[in-house]
Amino acid sequence: MPLIKNGAIVHEDQWVYLTDDQDLADRDGADAIIVSLTRWRRDRDALLARDLGVRLRADQSPALIAADLPHIALVALEFPAFKDGRAFTYARLLRERYGFSGEVRAVGNVLRDQFQFMVRCGFDAVEAEKESDAEAWLPASQESNVLYQPTGDRQPWVMTLRQ
């Protein structure tokens, strides 16, 4: 699955998903794994020795992993449907409230039209379903240069530019 990260397409993602029932030994060759919140809670001690990512569903707030963020390098936030925007809020919470400096990745039903909003909320990577989707996403980062709301990214927005 292609990944858009820092304005470029990444074809070889170092991160691999580990299912809840998959044996940890099956991924001994993988340096970086992403697990569900359920798996993180169940196997926390065994997972601490690895580069770790945690995938949160839309109904799982980052508050559930806030105390563990120093041990987590990546948080993948699910978009179950294009009209479900909870992951935008969760990305801002991770960056602004919890001070998370690792990778925040958008996964699931993400739309190209939402790309700028994702970046402004704190996402730095997006999983695309296929290569053609990833290529279509790249121009989206350049489509708008006027920002109408302030966010945690500290970019100037229209009201500050007027003053």
Protein backbone atom coordinates (compact mmCIF):
# COMPACT_ATOMS: atom_id res chain seq x y z
CA MET A 1 0.00 0.00 0.00
CA PRO A 2 1.61 3.31 -1.04
CA LEU A 3 2.23 5.91 1.61
CA ILE A 4 2.32 9.68 1.22
CA LYS A 5 4.73 11.13 3.74
CA ASN A 6 6.28 14.57 3.92
CA GLY A 7 5.03 15.44 0.44
CA ALA A 8 6.42 12.36 -1.32
CA ILE A 9 5.29 8.84 -2.17
CA VAL A 10 7.03 6.17 -0.09
CA HIS A 11 6.90 2.78 -1.77
CA GLU A 12 8.61 0.74 0.92
CA ASP A 13 7.10 1.41 4.31
CA GLN A 14 9.22 0.16 7.21
CA TRP A 15 6.07 -0.35 9.29
CA VAL A 16 4.09 -3.60 9.12
CA TYR A 17 0.75 -4.42 10.70
CA LEU A 18 0.54 -7.21 13.24
CA THR A 19 -2.94 -8.68 13.73
CA ASP A 20 -4.30 -9.39 17.20
CA ASP A 21 -3.86 -13.14 16.78
CA GLN A 22 -0.58 -13.14 14.85
CA ASP A 23 2.40 -14.50 16.77
CA LEU A 24 4.99 -11.85 17.59
CA ALA A 25 7.71 -14.28 16.47
CA ASP A 26 6.21 -14.16 12.93
CA ARG A 27 7.48 -10.60 12.66
CA ASP A 28 10.94 -11.00 14.18
CA GLY A 29 12.46 -9.63 10.97
CA ALA A 30 10.30 -6.52 11.08
CA ASP A 31 11.87 -3.59 12.88
CA ALA A 32 8.69 -1.59 13.23
CA ILE A 33 5.22 -2.97 13.87
CA ILE A 34 1.77 -1.44 14.21
CA VAL A 35 -0.70 -3.11 16.56
CA SER A 36 -4.27 -2.48 17.61
CA LEU A 37 -5.07 -0.92 20.97
CA THR A 38 -6.34 -4.34 22.09
CA ARG A 39 -3.00 -5.96 21.21
CA TRP A 40 -1.05 -3.13 22.86
CA ARG A 41 -2.96 -3.55 26.10
CA ARG A 42 -2.62 -7.35 26.07
CA ASP A 43 1.07 -7.63 25.09
CA ARG A 44 2.47 -4.30 26.27
CA ASP A 45 5.56 -5.71 27.99
CA ALA A 46 6.57 -7.87 25.02
CA LEU A 47 6.04 -5.00 22.58
CA LEU A 48 8.10 -2.42 24.46
CA ALA A 49 11.36 -3.74 22.99
CA ARG A 50 10.30 -2.83 19.43
CA ASP A 51 9.69 0.26 17.37
CA LEU A 52 6.00 0.43 17.95
CA GLY A 53 2.95 1.92 16.34
CA VAL A 54 -0.58 1.74 17.69
CA ARG A 55 -3.66 1.87 15.46
CA LEU A 56 -6.72 3.52 16.99
CA ARG A 57 -10.24 3.05 15.67
CA ALA A 58 -12.47 6.10 15.37
CA ASP A 59 -14.15 5.25 18.66
CA GLN A 60 -10.81 5.04 20.54
CA SER A 61 -9.51 8.35 21.83
CA PRO A 62 -5.77 9.02 22.13
CA ALA A 63 -6.43 9.57 25.83
CA LEU A 64 -6.38 5.75 26.06
CA ILE A 65 -2.66 5.70 25.18
CA ALA A 66 -1.58 9.13 26.44
CA ALA A 67 0.52 7.74 29.30
CA ASP A 68 2.28 5.33 26.91
CA LEU A 69 3.13 7.84 24.17
CA PRO A 70 6.83 7.97 25.17
CA HIS A 71 7.02 4.29 24.08
CA ILE A 72 5.12 4.77 20.83
CA ALA A 73 6.71 6.03 17.61
CA LEU A 74 3.61 6.04 15.38
CA VAL A 75 -0.12 6.44 15.90
CA ALA A 76 -2.35 5.34 13.02
CA LEU A 77 -5.79 6.94 13.16
CA GLU A 78 -8.64 5.28 11.28
CA PHE A 79 -11.14 7.06 9.09
CA PRO A 80 -13.96 4.48 8.87
CA ALA A 81 -15.98 6.70 6.52
CA PHE A 82 -15.19 9.96 4.77
CA LYS A 83 -17.83 11.76 6.84
CA ASP A 84 -16.36 10.62 10.19
CA GLY A 85 -13.97 13.37 11.29
CA ARG A 86 -13.00 12.16 14.75
CA ALA A 87 -9.47 11.36 13.57
CA PHE A 88 -8.91 15.07 12.82
CA THR A 89 -9.65 15.87 16.45
CA TYR A 90 -7.50 12.98 17.65
CA ALA A 91 -4.53 14.18 15.58
CA ARG A 92 -4.79 17.64 17.12
CA LEU A 93 -5.06 16.16 20.60
CA LEU A 94 -1.96 14.05 20.02
CA ARG A 95 0.06 17.06 18.85
CA GLU A 96 -1.31 19.88 21.00
CA ARG A 97 -2.46 18.31 24.26
CA TYR A 98 -0.15 15.32 24.54
CA GLY A 99 2.90 16.76 22.75
CA PHE A 100 3.32 13.67 20.57
CA SER A 101 6.19 14.18 18.14
CA GLY A 102 6.11 10.81 16.38
CA GLU A 103 4.35 9.97 13.14
CA VAL A 104 0.58 10.43 12.95
CA ARG A 105 -0.77 8.39 10.05
CA ALA A 106 -4.21 8.53 8.42
CA VAL A 107 -5.58 5.13 7.43
CA GLY A 108 -8.87 3.91 6.04
CA ASN A 109 -11.39 5.92 4.06
CA VAL A 110 -9.43 9.12 3.52
CA LEU A 111 -10.17 11.60 0.76
CA ARG A 112 -7.76 13.64 -1.28
CA ASP A 113 -9.91 16.73 -0.59
CA GLN A 114 -9.11 16.40 3.11
CA PHE A 115 -5.33 16.32 2.69
CA GLN A 116 -4.62 19.92 3.67
CA PHE A 117 -6.85 19.63 6.72
CA MET A 118 -5.03 16.46 7.74
CA VAL A 119 -1.66 18.17 7.56
CA ARG A 120 -2.92 21.17 9.50
CA CYS A 121 -4.32 18.91 12.22
CA GLY A 122 -1.03 17.07 12.69
CA PHE A 123 -0.97 14.14 10.25
CA ASP A 124 2.31 13.61 8.50
CA ALA A 125 1.49 10.43 6.57
CA VAL A 126 -1.48 9.02 4.67
CA GLU A 127 -1.96 5.46 3.46
CA ALA A 128 -3.39 5.33 -0.05
CA GLU A 129 -5.31 2.34 -1.36
CA LYS A 130 -3.39 2.17 -4.65
CA GLU A 131 -0.54 3.85 -6.50
CA SER A 132 -2.81 6.00 -8.67
CA ASP A 133 -4.49 7.36 -5.53
CA ALA A 134 -1.11 8.31 -4.08
CA GLU A 135 -0.11 10.13 -7.26
CA ALA A 136 -3.38 12.08 -7.24
CA TRP A 137 -2.77 13.13 -3.63
CA LEU A 138 0.54 14.89 -4.23
CA PRO A 139 -0.90 17.94 -6.02
CA ALA A 140 -3.47 18.31 -3.22
CA SER A 141 -0.76 19.67 -0.96
CA GLN A 142 -0.34 22.67 -3.27
CA GLU A 143 -3.99 23.45 -4.01
CA SER A 144 -4.62 26.08 -1.38
CA ASN A 145 -2.35 28.67 0.15
CA VAL A 146 -4.92 30.70 2.09
CA LEU A 147 -5.71 29.26 5.51
CA TYR A 148 -8.89 30.32 7.27
CA GLN A 149 -8.51 28.75 10.71
CA PRO A 150 -5.68 28.73 13.21
CA THR A 151 -4.34 25.32 14.23
CA GLY A 152 -1.39 23.89 16.04
CA ASP A 153 0.85 24.03 12.96
CA ARG A 154 1.50 27.75 13.60
CA GLN A 155 1.11 28.68 9.93
CA PRO A 156 -0.24 32.18 9.39
CA TRP A 157 -3.94 32.29 8.72
CA VAL A 158 -6.03 34.94 6.98
CA MET A 159 -6.78 37.06 10.07
CA THR A 160 -3.12 37.34 11.04
CA LEU A 161 -2.22 38.25 7.48
CA ARG A 162 -4.79 41.08 7.50
CA GLN A 163 -3.27 42.77 10.53
